[in-house]
C-alpha atoms as a PDB file:
ATOM      1  CA  UNK A   1       8.486  -1.672  18.737  1.00  0.00           C
ATOM      2  CA  UNK A   2      11.437  -2.225  16.374  1.00  0.00           C
ATOM      3  CA  UNK A   3      13.201   0.564  14.535  1.00  0.00           C
ATOM      4  CA  UNK A   4      10.982   2.191  12.171  1.00  0.00           C
ATOM      5  CA  UNK A   5      10.851   1.066   8.634  1.00  0.00           C
ATOM      6  CA  UNK A   6       8.755   4.220   7.656  1.00  0.00           C
ATOM      7  CA  UNK A   7       8.872   7.304   9.694  1.00  0.00           C
ATOM      8  CA  UNK A   8       7.141  10.530   9.051  1.00  0.00           C
ATOM      9  CA  UNK A   9       8.255  13.633  11.264  1.00  0.00           C
ATOM     10  CA  UNK A  10       5.909  16.834  11.259  1.00  0.00           C
ATOM     11  CA  UNK A  11       5.350  16.530   7.626  1.00  0.00           C
ATOM     12  CA  UNK A  12       3.341  18.991   5.452  1.00  0.00           C
ATOM     13  CA  UNK A  13       2.170  18.929   2.001  1.00  0.00           C
ATOM     14  CA  UNK A  14      -0.018  21.614   0.239  1.00  0.00           C
ATOM     15  CA  UNK A  15      -1.674  21.599  -3.083  1.00  0.00           C
ATOM     16  CA  UNK A  16      -1.794  25.216  -4.005  1.00  0.00           C
ATOM     17  CA  UNK A  17      -3.682  26.700  -1.068  1.00  0.00           C
ATOM     18  CA  UNK A  18      -4.999  23.304  -0.006  1.00  0.00           C
ATOM     19  CA  UNK A  19      -3.056  22.325   3.024  1.00  0.00           C
ATOM     20  CA  UNK A  20      -3.491  18.434   2.297  1.00  0.00           C
ATOM     21  CA  UNK A  21      -1.061  16.843   4.856  1.00  0.00           C
ATOM     22  CA  UNK A  22      -0.866  19.048   8.209  1.00  0.00           C
ATOM     23  CA  UNK A  23       1.978  18.333  10.600  1.00  0.00           C
ATOM     24  CA  UNK A  24       1.634  14.577  10.346  1.00  0.00           C
ATOM     25  CA  UNK A  25       3.859  12.110  12.379  1.00  0.00           C
ATOM     26  CA  UNK A  26       3.766   8.379  12.244  1.00  0.00           C
ATOM     27  CA  UNK A  27       6.284   5.489  12.655  1.00  0.00           C
ATOM     28  CA  UNK A  28       5.754   2.002  11.130  1.00  0.00           C
ATOM     29  CA  UNK A  29       7.765  -0.969  12.412  1.00  0.00           C
ATOM     30  CA  UNK A  30       8.876  -4.101  10.547  1.00  0.00           C
ATOM     31  CA  UNK A  31       6.225  -6.699  10.387  1.00  0.00           C
ATOM     32  CA  UNK A  32       3.271  -4.319  11.100  1.00  0.00           C
ATOM     33  CA  UNK A  33       0.154  -4.052   9.303  1.00  0.00           C
ATOM     34  CA  UNK A  34      -0.724  -0.275   9.367  1.00  0.00           C
ATOM     35  CA  UNK A  35      -4.355   0.574   7.830  1.00  0.00           C
ATOM     36  CA  UNK A  36      -5.008   4.184   6.809  1.00  0.00           C
ATOM     37  CA  UNK A  37      -8.674   5.273   6.454  1.00  0.00           C
ATOM     38  CA  UNK A  38     -10.740   8.268   6.872  1.00  0.00           C
ATOM     39  CA  UNK A  39     -13.287  10.102   4.723  1.00  0.00           C
ATOM     40  CA  UNK A  40     -12.770  11.173   1.131  1.00  0.00           C
ATOM     41  CA  UNK A  41     -10.216  14.079   0.830  1.00  0.00           C
ATOM     42  CA  UNK A  42      -8.725  13.416   4.018  1.00  0.00           C
ATOM     43  CA  UNK A  43      -5.209  13.128   2.632  1.00  0.00           C
ATOM     44  CA  UNK A  44      -4.984   9.234   2.932  1.00  0.00           C
ATOM     45  CA  UNK A  45      -3.499   8.707  -0.365  1.00  0.00           C
ATOM     46  CA  UNK A  46      -1.384  11.588  -0.690  1.00  0.00           C
ATOM     47  CA  UNK A  47       0.202  10.416   2.764  1.00  0.00           C
ATOM     48  CA  UNK A  48       1.040   7.041   1.334  1.00  0.00           C
ATOM     49  CA  UNK A  49       2.247   8.623  -2.209  1.00  0.00           C
ATOM     50  CA  UNK A  50       4.836  10.552  -0.163  1.00  0.00           C
ATOM     51  CA  UNK A  51       6.194   7.598   1.285  1.00  0.00           C
ATOM     52  CA  UNK A  52       7.987   6.713  -2.000  1.00  0.00           C
ATOM     53  CA  UNK A  53       8.201  10.096  -3.291  1.00  0.00           C
ATOM     54  CA  UNK A  54       5.486  10.306  -5.775  1.00  0.00           C
ATOM     55  CA  UNK A  55       4.586  13.279  -4.049  1.00  0.00           C
ATOM     56  CA  UNK A  56       6.750  15.877  -2.956  1.00  0.00           C
ATOM     57  CA  UNK A  57       6.397  17.195   0.721  1.00  0.00           C
ATOM     58  CA  UNK A  58       6.705  21.028   1.693  1.00  0.00           C
ATOM     59  CA  UNK A  59       8.577  20.272   5.039  1.00  0.00           C
ATOM     60  CA  UNK A  60       9.095  17.923   7.517  1.00  0.00           C
ATOM     61  CA  UNK A  61      10.948  14.620   7.276  1.00  0.00           C
ATOM     62  CA  UNK A  62       9.973  11.059   5.763  1.00  0.00           C
ATOM     63  CA  UNK A  63      12.606   8.287   6.054  1.00  0.00           C
ATOM     64  CA  UNK A  64      12.335   4.994   4.762  1.00  0.00           C
ATOM     65  CA  UNK A  65      14.724   2.455   6.170  1.00  0.00           C
ATOM     66  CA  UNK A  66      16.662   5.346   7.676  1.00  0.00           C
ATOM     67  CA  UNK A  67      16.934   7.048   4.293  1.00  0.00           C
ATOM     68  CA  UNK A  68      15.631  10.834   3.700  1.00  0.00           C
ATOM     69  CA  UNK A  69      13.047  10.071   0.990  1.00  0.00           C
ATOM     70  CA  UNK A  70      12.863  13.849   0.008  1.00  0.00           C
ATOM     71  CA  UNK A  71      16.471  15.027   0.894  1.00  0.00           C
ATOM     72  CA  UNK A  72      18.752  16.256  -1.776  1.00  0.00           C
ATOM     73  CA  UNK A  73      20.880  13.815  -3.529  1.00  0.00           C
ATOM     74  CA  UNK A  74      18.627  10.734  -2.413  1.00  0.00           C
ATOM     75  CA  UNK A  75      18.612   8.289  -5.334  1.00  0.00           C
ATOM     76  CA  UNK A  76      14.942   7.800  -5.680  1.00  0.00           C
ATOM     77  CA  UNK A  77      15.307   4.980  -8.361  1.00  0.00           C
ATOM     78  CA  UNK A  78      17.117   3.029  -5.964  1.00  0.00           C
ATOM     79  CA  UNK A  79      14.940   3.904  -3.152  1.00  0.00           C
ATOM     80  CA  UNK A  80      12.023   2.830  -4.872  1.00  0.00           C
ATOM     81  CA  UNK A  81      13.323  -0.566  -5.378  1.00  0.00           C
ATOM     82  CA  UNK A  82      12.985  -1.053  -1.396  1.00  0.00           C
ATOM     83  CA  UNK A  83       9.201  -0.151  -1.456  1.00  0.00           C
ATOM     84  CA  UNK A  84       6.377  -2.054  -3.454  1.00  0.00           C
ATOM     85  CA  UNK A  85       3.378   0.100  -4.470  1.00  0.00           C
ATOM     86  CA  UNK A  86      -0.055  -1.541  -5.352  1.00  0.00           C
ATOM     87  CA  UNK A  87      -2.282   1.246  -7.216  1.00  0.00           C
ATOM     88  CA  UNK A  88      -6.059   1.685  -7.478  1.00  0.00           C
ATOM     89  CA  UNK A  89      -5.691   0.946 -11.296  1.00  0.00           C
ATOM     90  CA  UNK A  90      -3.499  -2.031 -11.865  1.00  0.00           C
ATOM     91  CA  UNK A  91      -1.348  -0.169 -14.061  1.00  0.00           C
ATOM     92  CA  UNK A  92      -0.060  -3.349 -15.532  1.00  0.00           C
ATOM     93  CA  UNK A  93       1.699  -3.241 -19.063  1.00  0.00           C
ATOM     94  CA  UNK A  94      -1.094  -4.260 -21.496  1.00  0.00           C
ATOM     95  CA  UNK A  95       1.247  -5.717 -24.135  1.00  0.00           C
ATOM     96  CA  UNK A  96       3.352  -7.654 -21.936  1.00  0.00           C
ATOM     97  CA  UNK A  97       2.439 -11.235 -20.810  1.00  0.00           C
ATOM     98  CA  UNK A  98       1.801 -11.613 -16.864  1.00  0.00           C
ATOM     99  CA  UNK A  99       5.214 -13.240 -16.441  1.00  0.00           C
ATOM    100  CA  UNK A 100       7.137 -10.368 -18.238  1.00  0.00           C
ATOM    101  CA  UNK A 101       5.060  -7.594 -16.197  1.00  0.00           C
ATOM    102  CA  UNK A 102       6.222  -9.516 -12.893  1.00  0.00           C
ATOM    103  CA  UNK A 103       9.972  -9.845 -14.087  1.00  0.00           C
ATOM    104  CA  UNK A 104      10.153  -6.328 -15.813  1.00  0.00           C
ATOM    105  CA  UNK A 105      11.770  -4.557 -12.986  1.00  0.00           C
ATOM    106  CA  UNK A 106      13.952  -7.031 -11.490  1.00  0.00           C
ATOM    107  CA  UNK A 107      15.556  -7.586 -14.458  1.00  0.00           C
ATOM    108  CA  UNK A 108      15.730  -3.850 -16.053  1.00  0.00           C
ATOM    109  CA  UNK A 109      16.080  -2.326 -12.521  1.00  0.00           C
ATOM    110  CA  UNK A 110      17.571  -4.818 -10.202  1.00  0.00           C
ATOM    111  CA  UNK A 111      19.837  -6.724 -13.092  1.00  0.00           C
ATOM    112  CA  UNK A 112      19.001 -10.112 -12.025  1.00  0.00           C
ATOM    113  CA  UNK A 113      19.337 -12.771 -14.512  1.00  0.00           C
ATOM    114  CA  UNK A 114      16.227 -13.688 -16.602  1.00  0.00           C
ATOM    115  CA  UNK A 115      16.128 -17.282 -15.398  1.00  0.00           C
ATOM    116  CA  UNK A 116      16.350 -16.269 -11.521  1.00  0.00           C
ATOM    117  CA  UNK A 117      13.766 -13.297 -12.021  1.00  0.00           C
ATOM    118  CA  UNK A 118      11.360 -15.622 -13.765  1.00  0.00           C
ATOM    119  CA  UNK A 119      11.687 -18.698 -11.315  1.00  0.00           C
ATOM    120  CA  UNK A 120      11.044 -15.951  -8.602  1.00  0.00           C
ATOM    121  CA  UNK A 121       7.932 -14.684 -10.490  1.00  0.00           C
ATOM    122  CA  UNK A 122       6.323 -17.954 -11.045  1.00  0.00           C
ATOM    123  CA  UNK A 123       6.737 -18.511  -7.214  1.00  0.00           C
ATOM    124  CA  UNK A 124       4.644 -15.240  -6.662  1.00  0.00           C
ATOM    125  CA  UNK A 125       2.473 -15.727  -9.188  1.00  0.00           C
ATOM    126  CA  UNK A 126       1.678 -19.386  -7.405  1.00  0.00           C
ATOM    127  CA  UNK A 127       1.408 -17.352  -4.109  1.00  0.00           C
ATOM    128  CA  UNK A 128      -1.230 -15.053  -5.579  1.00  0.00           C
ATOM    129  CA  UNK A 129      -3.219 -17.949  -7.118  1.00  0.00           C
ATOM    130  CA  UNK A 130      -2.540 -17.488 -10.619  1.00  0.00           C
ATOM    131  CA  UNK A 131       0.380 -19.693 -11.482  1.00  0.00           C
ATOM    132  CA  UNK A 132      -1.535 -21.026 -14.814  1.00  0.00           C
ATOM    133  CA  UNK A 133      -1.721 -17.454 -16.064  1.00  0.00           C
ATOM    134  CA  UNK A 134       1.979 -16.561 -16.497  1.00  0.00           C
ATOM    135  CA  UNK A 135       1.621 -16.566 -20.054  1.00  0.00           C
ATOM    136  CA  UNK A 136      -1.975 -14.692 -20.456  1.00  0.00           C
ATOM    137  CA  UNK A 137      -2.067 -10.892 -21.304  1.00  0.00           C
ATOM    138  CA  UNK A 138      -3.517  -8.651 -18.558  1.00  0.00           C
ATOM    139  CA  UNK A 139      -6.503  -7.865 -20.954  1.00  0.00           C
ATOM    140  CA  UNK A 140      -7.758 -11.527 -20.736  1.00  0.00           C
ATOM    141  CA  UNK A 141      -7.748 -11.377 -16.962  1.00  0.00           C
ATOM    142  CA  UNK A 142     -10.448 -10.245 -14.537  1.00  0.00           C
ATOM    143  CA  UNK A 143     -10.040  -7.090 -12.554  1.00  0.00           C
ATOM    144  CA  UNK A 144      -9.028  -9.215  -9.340  1.00  0.00           C
ATOM    145  CA  UNK A 145      -6.580 -11.320 -11.336  1.00  0.00           C
ATOM    146  CA  UNK A 146      -4.998  -8.432 -12.533  1.00  0.00           C
ATOM    147  CA  UNK A 147      -4.524  -6.768  -8.983  1.00  0.00           C
ATOM    148  CA  UNK A 148      -3.270 -10.167  -7.798  1.00  0.00           C
ATOM    149  CA  UNK A 149      -0.422  -9.911 -10.751  1.00  0.00           C
ATOM    150  CA  UNK A 150       0.261  -6.371  -9.353  1.00  0.00           C
ATOM    151  CA  UNK A 151       0.675  -7.694  -5.834  1.00  0.00           C
ATOM    152  CA  UNK A 152       3.200 -10.273  -7.461  1.00  0.00           C
ATOM    153  CA  UNK A 153       4.806  -7.504  -9.343  1.00  0.00           C
ATOM    154  CA  UNK A 154       5.534  -5.493  -6.035  1.00  0.00           C
ATOM    155  CA  UNK A 155       6.601  -8.536  -4.254  1.00  0.00           C
ATOM    156  CA  UNK A 156       9.242  -9.489  -7.066  1.00  0.00           C
ATOM    157  CA  UNK A 157      11.405  -6.589  -5.836  1.00  0.00           C
ATOM    158  CA  UNK A 158      11.563  -8.429  -2.429  1.00  0.00           C
ATOM    159  CA  UNK A 159      10.705  -5.041  -0.719  1.00  0.00           C
ATOM    160  CA  UNK A 160      10.931  -4.608   3.252  1.00  0.00           C
ATOM    161  CA  UNK A 161       7.448  -2.809   2.830  1.00  0.00           C
ATOM    162  CA  UNK A 162       4.679  -2.688   0.444  1.00  0.00           C
ATOM    163  CA  UNK A 163       2.256   0.324   0.218  1.00  0.00           C
ATOM    164  CA  UNK A 164      -1.456  -0.354  -0.910  1.00  0.00           C
ATOM    165  CA  UNK A 165      -3.449   2.485  -2.320  1.00  0.00           C
ATOM    166  CA  UNK A 166      -7.368   1.604  -2.153  1.00  0.00           C
ATOM    167  CA  UNK A 167      -6.223  -1.917  -3.954  1.00  0.00           C
ATOM    168  CA  UNK A 168      -9.786  -2.912  -4.287  1.00  0.00           C
ATOM    169  CA  UNK A 169     -11.786   0.329  -4.826  1.00  0.00           C
ATOM    170  CA  UNK A 170     -11.704  -0.245  -8.783  1.00  0.00           C
ATOM    171  CA  UNK A 171     -12.812  -3.814  -8.293  1.00  0.00           C
ATOM    172  CA  UNK A 172     -16.383  -5.295  -8.725  1.00  0.00           C
ATOM    173  CA  UNK A 173     -17.467  -6.494  -5.342  1.00  0.00           C
ATOM    174  CA  UNK A 174     -17.292 -10.160  -5.890  1.00  0.00           C
ATOM    175  CA  UNK A 175     -13.625  -9.503  -6.897  1.00  0.00           C
ATOM    176  CA  UNK A 176     -12.723  -7.662  -3.697  1.00  0.00           C
ATOM    177  CA  UNK A 177     -12.435 -10.810  -1.763  1.00  0.00           C
ATOM    178  CA  UNK A 178      -9.892 -12.364  -3.846  1.00  0.00           C
ATOM    179  CA  UNK A 179      -7.601  -9.539  -3.295  1.00  0.00           C
ATOM    180  CA  UNK A 180      -8.102  -9.218   0.210  1.00  0.00           C
ATOM    181  CA  UNK A 181      -7.489 -12.840   0.601  1.00  0.00           C
ATOM    182  CA  UNK A 182      -3.792 -12.400  -0.615  1.00  0.00           C
ATOM    183  CA  UNK A 183      -3.261  -9.533   1.426  1.00  0.00           C
ATOM    184  CA  UNK A 184      -4.318 -11.381   4.532  1.00  0.00           C
ATOM    185  CA  UNK A 185      -1.679 -13.988   3.712  1.00  0.00           C
ATOM    186  CA  UNK A 186       0.840 -11.753   2.865  1.00  0.00           C
ATOM    187  CA  UNK A 187       0.115 -10.190   6.643  1.00  0.00           C
ATOM    188  CA  UNK A 188       0.316 -13.541   8.060  1.00  0.00           C
ATOM    189  CA  UNK A 189       3.828 -13.974   6.529  1.00  0.00           C
ATOM    190  CA  UNK A 190       4.936 -11.065   8.277  1.00  0.00           C
ATOM    191  CA  UNK A 191       5.262  -8.387   5.740  1.00  0.00           C
ATOM    192  CA  UNK A 192       5.474  -4.916   6.652  1.00  0.00           C
ATOM    193  CA  UNK A 193       2.463  -3.079   5.014  1.00  0.00           C
ATOM    194  CA  UNK A 194       0.516   0.096   4.749  1.00  0.00           C
ATOM    195  CA  UNK A 195      -2.607  -0.209   3.388  1.00  0.00           C
ATOM    196  CA  UNK A 196      -5.139   2.743   2.575  1.00  0.00           C
ATOM    197  CA  UNK A 197      -8.751   1.231   2.171  1.00  0.00           C
ATOM    198  CA  UNK A 198     -12.124   1.345   3.228  1.00  0.00           C
ATOM    199  CA  UNK A 199     -12.493  -2.143   3.801  1.00  0.00           C
ATOM    200  CA  UNK A 200     -13.289  -2.214   7.454  1.00  0.00           C
ATOM    201  CA  UNK A 201     -13.540  -5.952   7.936  1.00  0.00           C
ATOM    202  CA  UNK A 202     -10.223  -6.475   6.791  1.00  0.00           C
ATOM    203  CA  UNK A 203      -8.731  -3.419   8.897  1.00  0.00           C
ATOM    204  CA  UNK A 204     -10.482  -5.227  11.973  1.00  0.00           C
ATOM    205  CA  UNK A 205      -9.146  -8.651  11.156  1.00  0.00           C
ATOM    206  CA  UNK A 206      -5.646  -7.892   9.896  1.00  0.00           C
ATOM    207  CA  UNK A 207      -4.453  -4.433  10.904  1.00  0.00           C
ATOM    208  CA  UNK A 208      -2.040  -4.176  13.941  1.00  0.00           C
ATOM    209  CA  UNK A 209      -2.930  -0.262  14.122  1.00  0.00           C
ATOM    210  CA  UNK A 210      -5.921   1.780  12.683  1.00  0.00           C
ATOM    211  CA  UNK A 211      -4.593   5.207  11.636  1.00  0.00           C
ATOM    212  CA  UNK A 212      -7.540   7.619  10.934  1.00  0.00           C
ATOM    213  CA  UNK A 213      -7.233  10.733   8.923  1.00  0.00           C
ATOM    214  CA  UNK A 214      -9.409  13.527   8.739  1.00  0.00           C
ATOM    215  CA  UNK A 215      -8.784  16.880   7.079  1.00  0.00           C
ATOM    216  CA  UNK A 216      -5.291  16.100   6.406  1.00  0.00           C
ATOM    217  CA  UNK A 217      -4.547  15.211  10.264  1.00  0.00           C
ATOM    218  CA  UNK A 218      -4.103  12.096  11.978  1.00  0.00           C
ATOM    219  CA  UNK A 219      -7.010  12.024  14.236  1.00  0.00           C
ATOM    220  CA  UNK A 220      -6.211   8.929  16.042  1.00  0.00           C
ATOM    221  CA  UNK A 221      -3.606   6.012  15.806  1.00  0.00           C
ATOM    222  CA  UNK A 222      -4.680   2.968  17.840  1.00  0.00           C
ATOM    223  CA  UNK A 223      -5.469  -0.799  17.774  1.00  0.00           C
ATOM    224  CA  UNK A 224      -8.355  -1.991  15.888  1.00  0.00           C
ATOM    225  CA  UNK A 225     -10.074  -3.203  19.198  1.00  0.00           C
ATOM    226  CA  UNK A 226     -10.439   0.497  20.642  1.00  0.00           C
ATOM    227  CA  UNK A 227     -11.313   2.000  16.927  1.00  0.00           C
ATOM    228  CA  UNK A 228     -14.018  -0.331  16.209  1.00  0.00           C
ATOM    229  CA  UNK A 229     -15.431  -1.123  19.629  1.00  0.00           C
ATOM    230  CA  UNK A 230     -14.798   1.839  21.570  1.00  0.00           C
ATOM    231  CA  UNK A 231     -14.502   5.007  19.102  1.00  0.00           C
ATOM    232  CA  UNK A 232     -14.150   8.127  21.647  1.00  0.00           C
ATOM    233  CA  UNK A 233     -14.105  10.719  18.794  1.00  0.00           C
ATOM    234  CA  UNK A 234     -17.297  11.950  16.982  1.00  0.00           C
ATOM    235  CA  UNK A 235     -15.763  12.036  13.679  1.00  0.00           C
ATOM    236  CA  UNK A 236     -14.668   8.211  13.736  1.00  0.00           C
ATOM    237  CA  UNK A 237     -18.392   7.404  15.021  1.00  0.00           C
ATOM    238  CA  UNK A 238     -19.885   9.214  12.116  1.00  0.00           C
ATOM    239  CA  UNK A 239     -17.195   7.508   9.595  1.00  0.00           C
ATOM    240  CA  UNK A 240     -18.008   4.157  10.894  1.00  0.00           C
ATOM    241  CA  UNK A 241     -21.555   4.564  10.888  1.00  0.00           C
ATOM    242  CA  UNK A 242     -21.444   6.010   7.403  1.00  0.00           C
ATOM    243  CA  UNK A 243     -19.159   2.942   6.299  1.00  0.00           C
ATOM    244  CA  UNK A 244     -21.933   0.546   8.015  1.00  0.00           C
ATOM    245  CA  UNK A 245     -24.434   2.438   5.305  1.00  0.00           C
ATOM    246  CA  UNK A 246     -23.100   1.660   2.550  1.00  0.00           C
ATOM    247  CA  UNK A 247     -23.124  -2.120   3.164  1.00  0.00           C
END
């Protein structure tokens, strides 16, 4: 594997007495699509939020492109420019047009010229199938469209890695597919992606690796083939059986 873009080494995280991440070690290489799954409360979303320091860690080490994310003196604003984040809730600015949402960070944070930022934004909106919505406001878009704008916004910083925290869980079922299609297209383009998701069809089709968590620990880190076709851990078998039961 090429040098890791994301590297977690014996990371621990507590919420009060609750040990939510227990001695987690994980490496993610350039161009990999890593799907993190597991039952509710297993620490998946907390794990992904530690990668760009939305959550602090107790101990261990977490490197992003070689930078110690939780080190003293790390410039978090600068660091967060090198990682895209797509949230469960779309977190768009409601008072700003779609185009302004996508150009906000490149212009305000990266100090790019407006014309350059807008040209890139229009290109990205076309990529997510929303070229004609540039002047619309978020309130006039469906949930699936808003999430696709959120993906374009994450891409606008041209980050080497994008984190997805259950990007389809707030969507109506008929809108899930349109967001997954965009994510599949990013994967085909070689984007490094870390995805917390319950969408097991996506995990099987697009994931290079499946990381299964339970009670704050990584239980298995394996290929989709082994995870789905030859699960050798009772907790994984139960999880897959529960997921099948939901569909």
